[in-house]
Amino acid sequence: MSDPQDPVPRPVSLATIVALFACFAVFIYIAYAGYASHRPPAPQFLPAERLPADMAWEATPQGRAAYLADLRARQSEQASTYGWVDQKAGIVRLPIDRAMELTVQAYNTKK
């Protein structure tokens, strides 16, 4: 009996490697073209009348600035007043200064 001989690995030709890269490149191009053609334009490039009502503020720099000013005012108000976050669960919103005082008191009582 003779031992079976291990087959000698054949080298991969340069044409095969180039063909694989070409197929991969074509796949990437088709995937990108399919994605790019179905992507809606950015809101700042559309007129305000073509946007939904909840996105109309994005159409102009003035709208974005007004929205940002309103957002900052609401956040400032929330950071400095008491209020309910979830009344059923008993979660409240505290002003930041008061929350820091309570945290310091809690750490001092643990010592």
N, C-alpha and C. Protein backbone atom coordinates (compact mmCIF):
# COMPACT_ATOMS: atom_id res chain seq x y z
N MET A 1 0.83 -1.17 0.00
CA MET A 1 0.00 0.00 0.00
C MET A 1 0.87 1.23 0.00
N SER A 2 0.42 2.14 -0.71
CA SER A 2 1.18 3.38 -0.74
C SER A 2 0.36 4.48 -0.07
N ASP A 3 1.06 5.39 0.54
CA ASP A 3 0.39 6.51 1.19
C ASP A 3 -0.13 7.47 0.13
N PRO A 4 -1.34 7.99 0.37
CA PRO A 4 -1.83 8.96 -0.62
C PRO A 4 -0.97 10.23 -0.55
N GLN A 5 -0.67 10.70 -1.69
CA GLN A 5 0.16 11.89 -1.79
C GLN A 5 -0.71 13.13 -1.57
N ASP A 6 -0.19 14.08 -0.77
CA ASP A 6 -0.90 15.34 -0.60
C ASP A 6 -0.86 16.10 -1.92
N PRO A 7 -2.00 16.63 -2.33
CA PRO A 7 -1.97 17.39 -3.58
C PRO A 7 -1.14 18.67 -3.39
N VAL A 8 -0.43 18.98 -4.39
CA VAL A 8 0.40 20.18 -4.36
C VAL A 8 -0.51 21.38 -4.59
N PRO A 9 -0.49 22.37 -3.67
CA PRO A 9 -1.36 23.53 -3.89
C PRO A 9 -0.96 24.28 -5.14
N ARG A 10 -1.98 24.65 -5.89
CA ARG A 10 -1.72 25.40 -7.10
C ARG A 10 -1.71 26.88 -6.77
N PRO A 11 -0.83 27.62 -7.34
CA PRO A 11 -0.82 29.06 -7.09
C PRO A 11 -2.04 29.72 -7.73
N VAL A 12 -2.53 30.77 -7.09
CA VAL A 12 -3.67 31.52 -7.60
C VAL A 12 -3.14 32.53 -8.61
N SER A 13 -3.78 32.55 -9.75
CA SER A 13 -3.30 33.43 -10.80
C SER A 13 -3.67 34.89 -10.50
N LEU A 14 -2.92 35.79 -11.09
CA LEU A 14 -3.17 37.22 -10.93
C LEU A 14 -4.53 37.59 -11.52
N ALA A 15 -4.93 36.94 -12.59
CA ALA A 15 -6.23 37.22 -13.22
C ALA A 15 -7.37 36.90 -12.27
N THR A 16 -7.24 35.84 -11.50
CA THR A 16 -8.28 35.47 -10.54
C THR A 16 -8.39 36.53 -9.45
N ILE A 17 -7.29 37.01 -8.95
CA ILE A 17 -7.29 38.04 -7.90
C ILE A 17 -7.90 39.33 -8.43
N VAL A 18 -7.52 39.73 -9.64
CA VAL A 18 -8.07 40.95 -10.24
C VAL A 18 -9.57 40.80 -10.47
N ALA A 19 -10.01 39.62 -10.90
CA ALA A 19 -11.44 39.39 -11.14
C ALA A 19 -12.22 39.48 -9.83
N LEU A 20 -11.67 38.94 -8.75
CA LEU A 20 -12.36 39.02 -7.46
C LEU A 20 -12.48 40.47 -6.98
N PHE A 21 -11.41 41.24 -7.11
CA PHE A 21 -11.47 42.65 -6.73
C PHE A 21 -12.45 43.42 -7.61
N ALA A 22 -12.48 43.11 -8.89
CA ALA A 22 -13.41 43.78 -9.80
C ALA A 22 -14.86 43.46 -9.42
N CYS A 23 -15.16 42.21 -9.10
CA CYS A 23 -16.51 41.85 -8.68
C CYS A 23 -16.89 42.56 -7.39
N PHE A 24 -15.97 42.63 -6.46
CA PHE A 24 -16.23 43.33 -5.20
C PHE A 24 -16.49 44.81 -5.45
N ALA A 25 -15.71 45.43 -6.32
CA ALA A 25 -15.89 46.85 -6.64
C ALA A 25 -17.25 47.09 -7.30
N VAL A 26 -17.66 46.21 -8.20
CA VAL A 26 -18.96 46.35 -8.85
C VAL A 26 -20.08 46.22 -7.83
N PHE A 27 -19.95 45.27 -6.91
CA PHE A 27 -20.95 45.11 -5.85
C PHE A 27 -21.05 46.37 -5.00
N ILE A 28 -19.93 46.92 -4.59
CA ILE A 28 -19.93 48.14 -3.78
C ILE A 28 -20.57 49.29 -4.55
N TYR A 29 -20.24 49.43 -5.83
CA TYR A 29 -20.81 50.51 -6.64
C TYR A 29 -22.32 50.36 -6.77
N ILE A 30 -22.82 49.16 -7.00
CA ILE A 30 -24.26 48.94 -7.14
C ILE A 30 -24.96 49.22 -5.82
N ALA A 31 -24.38 48.77 -4.71
CA ALA A 31 -24.98 49.02 -3.41
C ALA A 31 -25.02 50.52 -3.11
N TYR A 32 -23.95 51.23 -3.40
CA TYR A 32 -23.91 52.67 -3.15
C TYR A 32 -24.90 53.40 -4.06
N ALA A 33 -24.94 53.04 -5.33
CA ALA A 33 -25.86 53.71 -6.27
C ALA A 33 -27.31 53.47 -5.87
N GLY A 34 -27.63 52.28 -5.42
CA GLY A 34 -28.98 51.99 -4.98
C GLY A 34 -29.35 52.75 -3.72
N TYR A 35 -28.40 52.92 -2.83
CA TYR A 35 -28.66 53.66 -1.60
C TYR A 35 -28.74 55.16 -1.87
N ALA A 36 -27.83 55.67 -2.64
CA ALA A 36 -27.77 57.12 -2.88
C ALA A 36 -28.98 57.61 -3.66
N SER A 37 -29.52 56.82 -4.55
CA SER A 37 -30.64 57.27 -5.35
C SER A 37 -31.94 57.30 -4.55
N HIS A 38 -32.02 56.56 -3.46
CA HIS A 38 -33.24 56.51 -2.67
C HIS A 38 -33.16 57.37 -1.41
N ARG A 39 -32.07 58.03 -1.21
CA ARG A 39 -31.89 58.85 -0.02
C ARG A 39 -32.56 60.21 -0.25
N PRO A 40 -33.40 60.64 0.69
CA PRO A 40 -34.04 61.95 0.50
C PRO A 40 -33.02 63.08 0.67
N PRO A 41 -33.25 64.22 0.05
CA PRO A 41 -32.32 65.33 0.21
C PRO A 41 -32.36 65.86 1.64
N ALA A 42 -31.28 66.49 2.03
CA ALA A 42 -31.19 67.07 3.37
C ALA A 42 -32.23 68.18 3.53
N PRO A 43 -32.80 68.33 4.74
CA PRO A 43 -33.86 69.32 4.93
C PRO A 43 -33.43 70.74 4.62
N GLN A 44 -32.17 71.08 4.85
CA GLN A 44 -31.76 72.47 4.60
C GLN A 44 -31.72 72.80 3.11
N PHE A 45 -31.83 71.79 2.23
CA PHE A 45 -31.82 72.04 0.80
C PHE A 45 -33.23 72.06 0.20
N LEU A 46 -34.24 71.87 1.03
CA LEU A 46 -35.62 71.90 0.56
C LEU A 46 -36.30 73.17 1.06
N PRO A 47 -37.24 73.70 0.30
CA PRO A 47 -38.00 74.86 0.80
C PRO A 47 -38.90 74.42 1.95
N ALA A 48 -39.20 75.36 2.84
CA ALA A 48 -39.98 75.04 4.04
C ALA A 48 -41.35 74.47 3.71
N GLU A 49 -41.95 74.89 2.62
CA GLU A 49 -43.29 74.40 2.28
C GLU A 49 -43.30 72.94 1.84
N ARG A 50 -42.14 72.38 1.47
CA ARG A 50 -42.08 70.97 1.06
C ARG A 50 -41.73 70.05 2.21
N LEU A 51 -41.48 70.60 3.39
CA LEU A 51 -41.14 69.79 4.55
C LEU A 51 -42.36 69.52 5.41
N PRO A 52 -42.37 68.41 6.16
CA PRO A 52 -43.46 68.21 7.11
C PRO A 52 -43.44 69.31 8.18
N ALA A 53 -44.54 69.50 8.84
CA ALA A 53 -44.65 70.60 9.81
C ALA A 53 -43.64 70.49 10.93
N ASP A 54 -43.31 69.26 11.36
CA ASP A 54 -42.38 69.13 12.47
C ASP A 54 -40.92 69.33 12.04
N MET A 55 -40.66 69.44 10.75
CA MET A 55 -39.30 69.65 10.27
C MET A 55 -39.11 71.00 9.57
N ALA A 56 -40.11 71.82 9.55
CA ALA A 56 -40.03 73.08 8.81
C ALA A 56 -38.97 74.01 9.40
N TRP A 57 -38.66 73.88 10.67
CA TRP A 57 -37.66 74.74 11.29
C TRP A 57 -36.27 74.49 10.71
N GLU A 58 -36.02 73.33 10.11
CA GLU A 58 -34.70 73.00 9.56
C GLU A 58 -34.42 73.66 8.22
N ALA A 59 -35.41 74.27 7.60
CA ALA A 59 -35.25 74.76 6.24
C ALA A 59 -34.39 76.01 6.13
N THR A 60 -34.37 76.84 7.16
CA THR A 60 -33.62 78.10 7.07
C THR A 60 -32.70 78.25 8.28
N PRO A 61 -31.63 79.00 8.13
CA PRO A 61 -30.76 79.26 9.29
C PRO A 61 -31.50 79.98 10.42
N GLN A 62 -32.42 80.88 10.06
CA GLN A 62 -33.18 81.58 11.09
C GLN A 62 -34.07 80.61 11.86
N GLY A 63 -34.67 79.67 11.15
CA GLY A 63 -35.51 78.66 11.81
C GLY A 63 -34.70 77.79 12.75
N ARG A 64 -33.50 77.38 12.31
CA ARG A 64 -32.64 76.57 13.18
C ARG A 64 -32.19 77.36 14.40
N ALA A 65 -31.86 78.65 14.22
CA ALA A 65 -31.44 79.48 15.34
C ALA A 65 -32.59 79.68 16.33
N ALA A 66 -33.79 79.90 15.83
CA ALA A 66 -34.95 80.07 16.71
C ALA A 66 -35.25 78.78 17.47
N TYR A 67 -35.15 77.65 16.78
CA TYR A 67 -35.40 76.36 17.44
C TYR A 67 -34.36 76.12 18.53
N LEU A 68 -33.10 76.42 18.25
CA LEU A 68 -32.03 76.23 19.23
C LEU A 68 -32.24 77.15 20.44
N ALA A 69 -32.63 78.39 20.20
CA ALA A 69 -32.89 79.31 21.31
C ALA A 69 -34.03 78.81 22.18
N ASP A 70 -35.10 78.31 21.55
CA ASP A 70 -36.23 77.77 22.29
C ASP A 70 -35.83 76.53 23.08
N LEU A 71 -35.03 75.65 22.47
CA LEU A 71 -34.57 74.45 23.14
C LEU A 71 -33.72 74.79 24.36
N ARG A 72 -32.81 75.73 24.21
CA ARG A 72 -31.96 76.14 25.34
C ARG A 72 -32.78 76.78 26.45
N ALA A 73 -33.80 77.56 26.10
CA ALA A 73 -34.66 78.17 27.11
C ALA A 73 -35.42 77.10 27.89
N ARG A 74 -35.95 76.09 27.19
CA ARG A 74 -36.67 75.01 27.86
C ARG A 74 -35.74 74.21 28.77
N GLN A 75 -34.52 73.93 28.30
CA GLN A 75 -33.58 73.18 29.12
C GLN A 75 -33.15 73.98 30.35
N SER A 76 -32.95 75.27 30.20
CA SER A 76 -32.58 76.12 31.32
C SER A 76 -33.71 76.15 32.35
N GLU A 77 -34.94 76.24 31.88
CA GLU A 77 -36.09 76.25 32.77
C GLU A 77 -36.20 74.92 33.51
N GLN A 78 -35.98 73.82 32.82
CA GLN A 78 -36.05 72.50 33.45
C GLN A 78 -34.93 72.29 34.46
N ALA A 79 -33.76 72.87 34.22
CA ALA A 79 -32.63 72.70 35.13
C ALA A 79 -32.75 73.54 36.38
N SER A 80 -33.68 74.49 36.41
CA SER A 80 -33.75 75.40 37.56
C SER A 80 -35.10 75.38 38.28
N THR A 81 -35.98 74.44 37.94
CA THR A 81 -37.28 74.39 38.60
C THR A 81 -37.60 72.96 39.06
N TYR A 82 -38.57 72.87 39.97
CA TYR A 82 -39.08 71.59 40.42
C TYR A 82 -40.16 71.13 39.46
N GLY A 83 -40.34 69.82 39.36
CA GLY A 83 -41.41 69.30 38.53
C GLY A 83 -41.43 67.78 38.56
N TRP A 84 -42.50 67.23 38.04
CA TRP A 84 -42.63 65.78 37.97
C TRP A 84 -42.04 65.26 36.65
N VAL A 85 -41.25 64.22 36.74
CA VAL A 85 -40.80 63.51 35.55
C VAL A 85 -41.78 62.37 35.29
N ASP A 86 -42.06 61.58 36.35
CA ASP A 86 -43.05 60.50 36.27
C ASP A 86 -43.76 60.45 37.62
N GLN A 87 -44.97 60.98 37.67
CA GLN A 87 -45.67 61.11 38.94
C GLN A 87 -46.06 59.75 39.51
N LYS A 88 -46.47 58.82 38.65
CA LYS A 88 -46.85 57.48 39.14
C LYS A 88 -45.67 56.77 39.78
N ALA A 89 -44.49 56.91 39.21
CA ALA A 89 -43.30 56.25 39.76
C ALA A 89 -42.65 57.07 40.87
N GLY A 90 -43.11 58.31 41.08
CA GLY A 90 -42.55 59.15 42.13
C GLY A 90 -41.21 59.77 41.77
N ILE A 91 -40.96 60.01 40.50
CA ILE A 91 -39.71 60.60 40.04
C ILE A 91 -39.92 62.09 39.83
N VAL A 92 -39.09 62.89 40.52
CA VAL A 92 -39.22 64.34 40.42
C VAL A 92 -37.98 64.94 39.78
N ARG A 93 -38.15 66.16 39.32
CA ARG A 93 -37.04 66.94 38.76
C ARG A 93 -36.70 68.02 39.78
N LEU A 94 -35.42 68.11 40.14
CA LEU A 94 -34.96 69.11 41.10
C LEU A 94 -34.07 70.11 40.40
N PRO A 95 -33.99 71.33 40.95
CA PRO A 95 -32.98 72.26 40.44
C PRO A 95 -31.58 71.68 40.72
N ILE A 96 -30.66 71.98 39.87
CA ILE A 96 -29.32 71.42 39.98
C ILE A 96 -28.67 71.76 41.32
N ASP A 97 -28.81 73.00 41.77
CA ASP A 97 -28.21 73.40 43.04
C ASP A 97 -28.75 72.57 44.20
N ARG A 98 -30.06 72.36 44.23
CA ARG A 98 -30.66 71.58 45.31
C ARG A 98 -30.23 70.12 45.23
N ALA A 99 -30.13 69.57 44.04
CA ALA A 99 -29.69 68.19 43.87
C ALA A 99 -28.25 68.02 44.36
N MET A 100 -27.39 69.00 44.11
CA MET A 100 -26.01 68.93 44.61
C MET A 100 -25.99 68.98 46.13
N GLU A 101 -26.82 69.84 46.75
CA GLU A 101 -26.88 69.91 48.21
C GLU A 101 -27.31 68.58 48.80
N LEU A 102 -28.34 67.95 48.21
CA LEU A 102 -28.82 66.67 48.72
C LEU A 102 -27.76 65.57 48.55
N THR A 103 -27.02 65.62 47.47
CA THR A 103 -25.97 64.63 47.24
C THR A 103 -24.85 64.78 48.27
N VAL A 104 -24.45 66.01 48.56
CA VAL A 104 -23.41 66.25 49.56
C VAL A 104 -23.90 65.78 50.93
N GLN A 105 -25.16 66.07 51.28
CA GLN A 105 -25.70 65.61 52.55
C GLN A 105 -25.70 64.09 52.63
N ALA A 106 -26.09 63.43 51.54
CA ALA A 106 -26.13 61.97 51.54
C ALA A 106 -24.73 61.38 51.73
N TYR A 107 -23.73 61.93 51.10
CA TYR A 107 -22.36 61.43 51.27
C TYR A 107 -21.81 61.72 52.66
N ASN A 108 -22.19 62.86 53.25
CA ASN A 108 -21.72 63.19 54.59
C ASN A 108 -22.35 62.30 55.65
N THR A 109 -23.58 61.87 55.46
CA THR A 109 -24.24 61.00 56.45
C THR A 109 -23.71 59.57 56.39
N LYS A 110 -23.12 59.15 55.28
CA LYS A 110 -22.57 57.79 55.16
C LYS A 110 -21.27 57.64 55.95
N LYS A 111 -20.58 58.72 56.24
CA LYS A 111 -19.29 58.65 56.92
C LYS A 111 -19.52 58.46 58.35
